[in-house]
Protein backbone atom coordinates (compact mmCIF):
# COMPACT_ATOMS: atom_id res chain seq x y z
CA UNK A 1 26.05 -46.46 -65.74
CA UNK A 2 25.39 -43.69 -68.27
CA UNK A 3 26.82 -44.08 -71.73
CA UNK A 4 29.76 -41.86 -72.75
CA UNK A 5 29.45 -39.46 -75.65
CA UNK A 6 31.34 -40.75 -78.73
CA UNK A 7 31.92 -38.63 -81.76
CA UNK A 8 32.50 -40.77 -84.86
CA UNK A 9 34.07 -38.59 -87.55
CA UNK A 10 34.58 -40.54 -90.72
CA UNK A 11 33.91 -40.14 -94.45
CA UNK A 12 30.20 -40.48 -95.25
CA UNK A 13 30.72 -43.74 -97.07
CA UNK A 14 31.43 -45.50 -93.75
CA UNK A 15 27.84 -44.92 -92.64
CA UNK A 16 26.41 -46.32 -95.92
CA UNK A 17 28.42 -49.53 -96.12
CA UNK A 18 26.29 -52.54 -95.20
CA UNK A 19 29.16 -54.70 -93.90
CA UNK A 20 30.00 -52.02 -91.27
CA UNK A 21 26.54 -51.82 -89.70
CA UNK A 22 27.38 -54.45 -87.06
CA UNK A 23 30.40 -52.47 -85.98
CA UNK A 24 28.35 -49.28 -85.57
CA UNK A 25 25.63 -51.16 -83.69
CA UNK A 26 28.24 -52.39 -81.25
CA UNK A 27 29.56 -48.89 -80.81
CA UNK A 28 26.06 -47.71 -80.13
CA UNK A 29 25.82 -50.28 -77.25
CA UNK A 30 28.87 -48.67 -75.64
CA UNK A 31 28.20 -45.00 -76.22
CA UNK A 32 25.81 -42.38 -77.46
CA UNK A 33 26.94 -41.68 -80.95
CA UNK A 34 27.22 -38.58 -83.15
CA UNK A 35 28.05 -39.53 -86.74
CA UNK A 36 29.81 -36.75 -88.54
CA UNK A 37 32.08 -36.26 -91.61
CA UNK A 38 33.95 -33.06 -90.74
CA UNK A 39 36.96 -32.15 -92.76
CA UNK A 40 37.98 -28.81 -91.14
CA UNK A 41 38.89 -27.79 -87.63
CA UNK A 42 36.12 -25.16 -87.44
CA UNK A 43 33.50 -27.78 -88.35
CA UNK A 44 34.45 -30.26 -85.65
CA UNK A 45 34.86 -27.87 -82.68
CA UNK A 46 31.27 -28.10 -81.40
CA UNK A 47 31.07 -31.84 -81.59
CA UNK A 48 34.52 -32.27 -79.91
CA UNK A 49 33.29 -30.12 -77.04
CA UNK A 50 30.48 -32.58 -76.48
CA UNK A 51 32.57 -35.73 -76.83
CA UNK A 52 34.07 -37.94 -74.15
CA UNK A 53 35.74 -40.00 -76.92
CA UNK A 54 36.34 -39.73 -80.62
CA UNK A 55 36.79 -42.32 -83.37
CA UNK A 56 38.18 -40.81 -86.55
CA UNK A 57 40.75 -41.04 -89.30
CA UNK A 58 43.58 -38.47 -89.07
CA UNK A 59 41.72 -35.28 -90.03
CA UNK A 60 40.99 -32.69 -88.93
CA UNK A 61 44.22 -32.92 -87.01
CA UNK A 62 43.62 -32.72 -83.20
CA UNK A 63 45.94 -29.86 -82.58
CA UNK A 64 46.56 -28.37 -79.15
CA UNK A 65 44.09 -25.56 -80.06
CA UNK A 66 41.41 -28.05 -80.83
CA UNK A 67 42.10 -30.13 -77.76
CA UNK A 68 41.71 -27.02 -75.61
CA UNK A 69 38.11 -26.83 -76.85
CA UNK A 70 37.46 -30.47 -75.88
CA UNK A 71 37.59 -30.50 -72.11
CA UNK A 72 35.64 -33.81 -71.81
CA UNK A 73 37.81 -35.80 -74.22
CA UNK A 74 39.56 -38.77 -72.68
CA UNK A 75 39.94 -41.31 -75.49
CA UNK A 76 40.95 -40.89 -79.13
CA UNK A 77 40.65 -43.89 -81.58
CA UNK A 78 42.29 -43.34 -84.94
CA UNK A 79 42.27 -45.29 -88.17
CA UNK A 80 45.66 -43.59 -88.64
CA UNK A 81 47.29 -40.57 -87.16
CA UNK A 82 50.39 -38.45 -87.84
CA UNK A 83 53.12 -37.61 -85.30
CA UNK A 84 52.18 -34.08 -84.14
CA UNK A 85 48.55 -34.69 -83.14
CA UNK A 86 49.36 -38.07 -81.69
CA UNK A 87 52.09 -36.46 -79.48
CA UNK A 88 49.65 -33.61 -78.45
CA UNK A 89 47.07 -36.13 -77.34
CA UNK A 90 49.53 -38.18 -75.36
CA UNK A 91 50.97 -35.17 -73.67
CA UNK A 92 47.49 -34.23 -72.44
CA UNK A 93 47.00 -37.69 -70.98
CA UNK A 94 44.52 -38.95 -73.48
CA UNK A 95 44.26 -42.66 -74.13
CA UNK A 96 45.09 -43.08 -77.84
CA UNK A 97 44.50 -46.16 -79.95
CA UNK A 98 45.59 -46.58 -83.58
CA UNK A 99 44.50 -49.35 -85.86
CA UNK A 100 46.65 -48.52 -88.87
CA UNK A 101 48.18 -51.91 -88.88
CA UNK A 102 44.78 -53.33 -89.87
CA UNK A 103 45.71 -52.23 -93.36
CA UNK A 104 48.94 -54.24 -93.30
CA UNK A 105 47.69 -57.70 -94.52
CA UNK A 106 46.06 -56.13 -97.61
CA UNK A 107 49.07 -53.91 -98.35
CA UNK A 108 51.51 -56.78 -98.06
CA UNK A 109 49.37 -58.94 -100.33
CA UNK A 110 49.27 -56.11 -102.88
CA UNK A 111 53.01 -55.83 -102.76
CA UNK A 112 53.36 -59.54 -103.45
CA UNK A 113 50.76 -59.40 -106.23
CA UNK A 114 52.58 -56.48 -107.91
CA UNK A 115 55.91 -58.20 -107.54
CA UNK A 116 54.59 -61.36 -109.29
CA UNK A 117 52.81 -59.27 -111.97
CA UNK A 118 55.96 -57.48 -112.90
CA UNK A 119 58.25 -60.45 -112.85
CA UNK A 120 55.83 -62.48 -114.90
CA UNK A 121 54.51 -59.54 -116.95
CA UNK A 122 50.98 -60.63 -116.52
CA UNK A 123 49.63 -57.13 -117.19
CA UNK A 124 51.50 -56.93 -120.44
CA UNK A 125 50.15 -60.35 -121.61
CA UNK A 126 46.54 -59.43 -120.50
CA UNK A 127 46.67 -56.06 -122.38
CA UNK A 128 48.07 -57.71 -125.53
CA UNK A 129 45.44 -60.40 -125.45
CA UNK A 130 42.69 -57.77 -125.14
CA UNK A 131 44.07 -56.00 -128.16
CA UNK A 132 44.45 -59.28 -129.98
CA UNK A 133 48.23 -59.00 -130.65
CA UNK A 134 49.54 -61.27 -128.00
CA UNK A 135 52.79 -63.15 -128.64
CA UNK A 136 52.45 -66.97 -128.64
CA UNK A 137 55.61 -69.04 -128.29
CA UNK A 138 56.76 -70.14 -131.73
CA UNK A 139 60.39 -71.00 -131.28
CA UNK A 140 60.80 -72.40 -127.80
CA UNK A 141 62.83 -71.54 -125.84
CA UNK A 142 64.92 -68.99 -127.78
CA UNK A 143 62.03 -66.51 -128.18
CA UNK A 144 61.36 -66.28 -124.38
CA UNK A 145 61.88 -62.70 -123.05
CA UNK A 146 64.55 -63.12 -120.32
CA UNK A 147 62.96 -60.25 -118.40
CA UNK A 148 60.06 -62.57 -117.61
CA UNK A 149 61.30 -64.21 -114.42
CA UNK A 150 60.11 -66.21 -111.41
CA UNK A 151 60.22 -65.02 -107.85
CA UNK A 152 61.45 -68.32 -106.50
CA UNK A 153 64.97 -67.92 -105.15
CA UNK A 154 65.21 -64.26 -106.11
CA UNK A 155 66.70 -61.71 -103.62
CA UNK A 156 64.22 -59.26 -102.22
CA UNK A 157 64.81 -56.06 -100.23
CA UNK A 158 62.23 -54.62 -97.93
CA UNK A 159 62.55 -50.92 -96.95
CA UNK A 160 60.73 -50.44 -93.61
CA UNK A 161 60.16 -53.54 -91.45
CA UNK A 162 57.05 -52.58 -89.56
CA UNK A 163 53.78 -54.49 -89.69
CA UNK A 164 53.58 -54.41 -93.50
CA UNK A 165 57.16 -55.54 -93.90
CA UNK A 166 56.74 -58.34 -91.42
CA UNK A 167 53.67 -59.66 -93.01
CA UNK A 168 55.26 -59.41 -96.48
CA UNK A 169 58.18 -61.44 -95.16
CA UNK A 170 55.78 -64.23 -94.21
CA UNK A 171 54.18 -64.19 -97.69
CA UNK A 172 57.62 -64.37 -99.33
CA UNK A 173 58.76 -67.37 -97.34
CA UNK A 174 57.52 -70.07 -99.75
CA UNK A 175 59.60 -68.53 -102.54
CA UNK A 176 62.80 -69.29 -100.74
CA UNK A 177 64.92 -66.36 -101.82
CA UNK A 178 67.15 -64.27 -99.43
CA UNK A 179 65.41 -61.26 -97.86
CA UNK A 180 67.18 -58.16 -96.62
CA UNK A 181 65.55 -55.21 -94.83
CA UNK A 182 66.57 -51.68 -94.02
CA UNK A 183 64.88 -50.05 -91.03
CA UNK A 184 66.80 -48.00 -88.37
CA UNK A 185 64.13 -48.71 -85.72
CA UNK A 186 64.14 -52.47 -85.89
CA UNK A 187 67.04 -54.26 -84.23
CA UNK A 188 69.06 -56.92 -86.17
CA UNK A 189 67.98 -59.71 -83.79
CA UNK A 190 64.32 -58.99 -84.40
CA UNK A 191 64.95 -59.26 -88.11
CA UNK A 192 67.01 -62.37 -87.74
CA UNK A 193 64.13 -63.97 -85.83
CA UNK A 194 62.01 -63.34 -89.01
CA UNK A 195 64.79 -64.79 -91.21
CA UNK A 196 65.72 -61.41 -92.59
CA UNK A 197 69.15 -59.85 -92.80
CA UNK A 198 69.41 -56.28 -91.59
CA UNK A 199 71.41 -54.09 -93.94
CA UNK A 200 71.87 -50.41 -94.77
CA UNK A 201 69.88 -49.01 -97.74
CA UNK A 202 72.79 -48.88 -100.20
CA UNK A 203 73.56 -52.58 -99.73
CA UNK A 204 69.91 -53.49 -100.03
CA UNK A 205 69.64 -51.69 -103.34
CA UNK A 206 72.75 -53.27 -104.73
CA UNK A 207 71.90 -56.79 -103.57
CA UNK A 208 68.09 -57.02 -104.51
CA UNK A 209 66.33 -57.93 -107.71
CA UNK A 210 63.10 -56.72 -106.10
CA UNK A 211 62.86 -53.68 -103.86
CA UNK A 212 59.63 -53.07 -101.93
CA UNK A 213 58.95 -49.83 -100.11
CA UNK A 214 56.88 -50.23 -96.88
CA UNK A 215 58.22 -47.35 -94.74
CA UNK A 216 56.35 -44.40 -93.23
CA UNK A 217 56.79 -40.89 -94.62
CA UNK A 218 58.61 -38.59 -92.28
CA UNK A 219 61.62 -36.33 -92.03
CA UNK A 220 63.93 -39.32 -92.11
CA UNK A 221 62.42 -40.94 -95.21
CA UNK A 222 61.73 -37.95 -97.46
CA UNK A 223 63.03 -38.85 -100.93
CA UNK A 224 64.77 -41.85 -99.35
CA UNK A 225 65.20 -43.03 -102.94
CA UNK A 226 66.75 -40.07 -104.73
CA UNK A 227 68.65 -39.99 -107.98
CA UNK A 228 71.68 -41.78 -106.58
CA UNK A 229 69.65 -44.56 -104.93
CA UNK A 230 67.41 -45.07 -108.03
CA UNK A 231 70.44 -45.31 -110.29
CA UNK A 232 71.99 -47.83 -107.95
CA UNK A 233 69.12 -50.32 -108.53
CA UNK A 234 70.16 -53.40 -110.54
CA UNK A 235 69.51 -53.64 -114.28
CA UNK A 236 65.91 -54.80 -114.80
CA UNK A 237 65.23 -54.64 -111.09
CA UNK A 238 61.64 -54.48 -109.85
CA UNK A 239 60.75 -51.45 -107.64
CA UNK A 240 57.42 -51.62 -105.75
CA UNK A 241 55.96 -48.61 -103.84
CA UNK A 242 52.95 -49.46 -101.69
CA UNK A 243 53.97 -47.03 -98.91
CA UNK A 244 54.12 -43.27 -99.56
CA UNK A 245 55.02 -41.26 -102.62
CA UNK A 246 57.21 -39.04 -100.48
CA UNK A 247 59.82 -41.82 -100.27
CA UNK A 248 60.73 -41.45 -103.87
CA UNK A 249 62.13 -38.69 -106.04
CA UNK A 250 59.54 -39.07 -108.84
CA UNK A 251 61.58 -37.08 -111.43
CA UNK A 252 64.62 -39.29 -110.83
CA UNK A 253 62.39 -42.42 -111.06
CA UNK A 254 60.88 -41.24 -114.38
CA UNK A 255 64.37 -40.50 -115.78
CA UNK A 256 65.56 -44.09 -114.83
CA UNK A 257 62.45 -45.68 -116.22
CA UNK A 258 62.95 -43.82 -119.54
CA UNK A 259 66.17 -45.83 -119.93
CA UNK A 260 64.09 -48.95 -120.09
CA UNK A 261 66.18 -51.00 -117.63
CA UNK A 262 63.90 -50.75 -114.63
CA UNK A 263 60.36 -51.87 -113.84
CA UNK A 264 58.27 -50.04 -111.20
CA UNK A 265 54.83 -50.72 -109.79
CA UNK A 266 53.48 -47.56 -108.06
CA UNK A 267 50.36 -47.39 -105.95
CA UNK A 268 50.95 -43.91 -104.39
CA UNK A 269 51.67 -40.57 -106.07
CA UNK A 270 52.80 -37.01 -105.20
CA UNK A 271 49.44 -35.78 -106.53
CA UNK A 272 46.36 -37.90 -106.34
CA UNK A 273 44.40 -38.49 -108.52
CA UNK A 274 47.38 -38.73 -110.86
CA UNK A 275 47.24 -35.98 -113.53
CA UNK A 276 46.16 -37.30 -116.94
CA UNK A 277 49.28 -35.99 -118.64
CA UNK A 278 51.73 -37.30 -116.03
CA UNK A 279 54.83 -38.82 -117.65
CA UNK A 280 54.36 -42.06 -115.62
CA UNK A 281 51.31 -42.80 -117.69
CA UNK A 282 53.35 -42.96 -120.91
CA UNK A 283 55.99 -45.36 -119.66
CA UNK A 284 55.42 -49.06 -120.57
CA UNK A 285 57.61 -50.20 -117.68
CA UNK A 286 55.61 -48.24 -115.10
CA UNK A 287 52.69 -50.14 -113.72
CA UNK A 288 50.16 -47.91 -111.97
CA UNK A 289 47.40 -48.58 -109.47
CA UNK A 290 45.21 -45.88 -107.92
CA UNK A 291 46.16 -46.12 -104.22
CA UNK A 292 44.44 -49.46 -103.71
CA UNK A 293 46.88 -51.41 -101.64
CA UNK A 294 45.15 -51.33 -98.29
CA UNK A 295 41.71 -50.10 -99.41
CA UNK A 296 39.55 -53.23 -99.34
CA UNK A 297 36.58 -53.87 -97.11
CA UNK A 298 38.40 -56.46 -95.04
CA UNK A 299 40.79 -53.71 -93.87
CA UNK A 300 37.94 -51.35 -92.90
CA UNK A 301 36.01 -54.06 -91.04
CA UNK A 302 39.12 -55.05 -89.16
CA UNK A 303 39.86 -51.45 -88.20
CA UNK A 304 36.45 -50.73 -86.75
CA UNK A 305 36.48 -53.98 -84.85
CA UNK A 306 39.87 -53.28 -83.38
CA UNK A 307 39.00 -49.71 -82.30
CA UNK A 308 35.67 -50.86 -80.84
CA UNK A 309 37.58 -53.54 -78.87
CA UNK A 310 39.90 -50.86 -77.52
CA UNK A 311 37.11 -48.50 -76.60
CA UNK A 312 35.41 -51.39 -74.73
CA UNK A 313 38.67 -52.16 -72.93
CA UNK A 314 39.18 -48.52 -72.12
CA UNK A 315 35.74 -48.19 -70.55
CA UNK A 316 36.32 -51.38 -68.54
CA UNK A 317 39.80 -50.29 -67.35
CA UNK A 318 41.54 -53.11 -69.18
CA UNK A 319 44.72 -52.86 -71.22
CA UNK A 320 44.14 -51.85 -74.80
CA UNK A 321 45.69 -54.00 -77.56
CA UNK A 322 46.15 -51.11 -80.01
CA UNK A 323 47.30 -48.41 -77.60
CA UNK A 324 49.72 -45.84 -78.94
CA UNK A 325 52.74 -45.07 -76.82
CA UNK A 326 55.38 -42.33 -77.16
CA UNK A 327 57.88 -44.98 -78.16
CA UNK A 328 55.83 -45.72 -81.29
CA UNK A 329 55.64 -42.09 -82.54
CA UNK A 330 58.74 -42.20 -84.87
CA UNK A 331 56.98 -44.96 -86.87
CA UNK A 332 54.11 -42.70 -87.75
CA UNK A 333 53.94 -40.46 -90.82
CA UNK A 334 55.07 -36.93 -90.18
């Protein structure tokens, strides 16, 4: 049987990374490959017209106009995809697979790492030791900073209980604290099976010492944490955002952080890279990482393996493990 034509449209770095060579070799056994790094619709048109299948991230978006110019296309494999192009592909009968959950283990681990770092103030201690002005205990225990706390037994709230939130719940289990979650798309019995109490967002904010954002960014979650919600967070609470910047009103968060009674670890920003003069950079209780939560090689290797598995299943007429369905669309970013 002749090989299908597979357009692989990914950033150029994918093709240079040694640990991904085996994945591309496997794809080459299944299909005739074109490796591209198109960023604009006009650039990808010609290659899409050639392709029977495409493996890509989420850009250029496969709009109805672009799909009109791809009459051979039958299968679309995405690292991630937003709602509109996903719906357009499904409506045209394309088989769509999405491996975005391959990022989930790394993102969940980052959320846990940031939580522990803020509670135990490890970044502060490290920075002070580098400067040579670290504080050694001299009058134990009355000179211990009460803001340095343990996670054991502490109440945690998870906003968004998809793949990241579920994995995070597993990682939190040894610490033994109560866990609440807010997610309108996950039924209470499913949360209960994971030993999580389903609550509405206001209750979660009031009841949690640690709040971790794991939700997608769409019309329903835009500025989910506005001024009122941010001000409702407990005194000296920990806020972790490893999801999307759009979930938080940044100005309101900066205003609360300036009061000094909240700690936040932020991995995602309204503008990336974060401007040098951004006020978040000047706040000692804001801990910043440059969008690194999911971006490790293990995630990328897992993604390409999963999408290749689904392409192989598609060609063999078997069910795909990572198939996207219409029911799953609300969980995607808008």
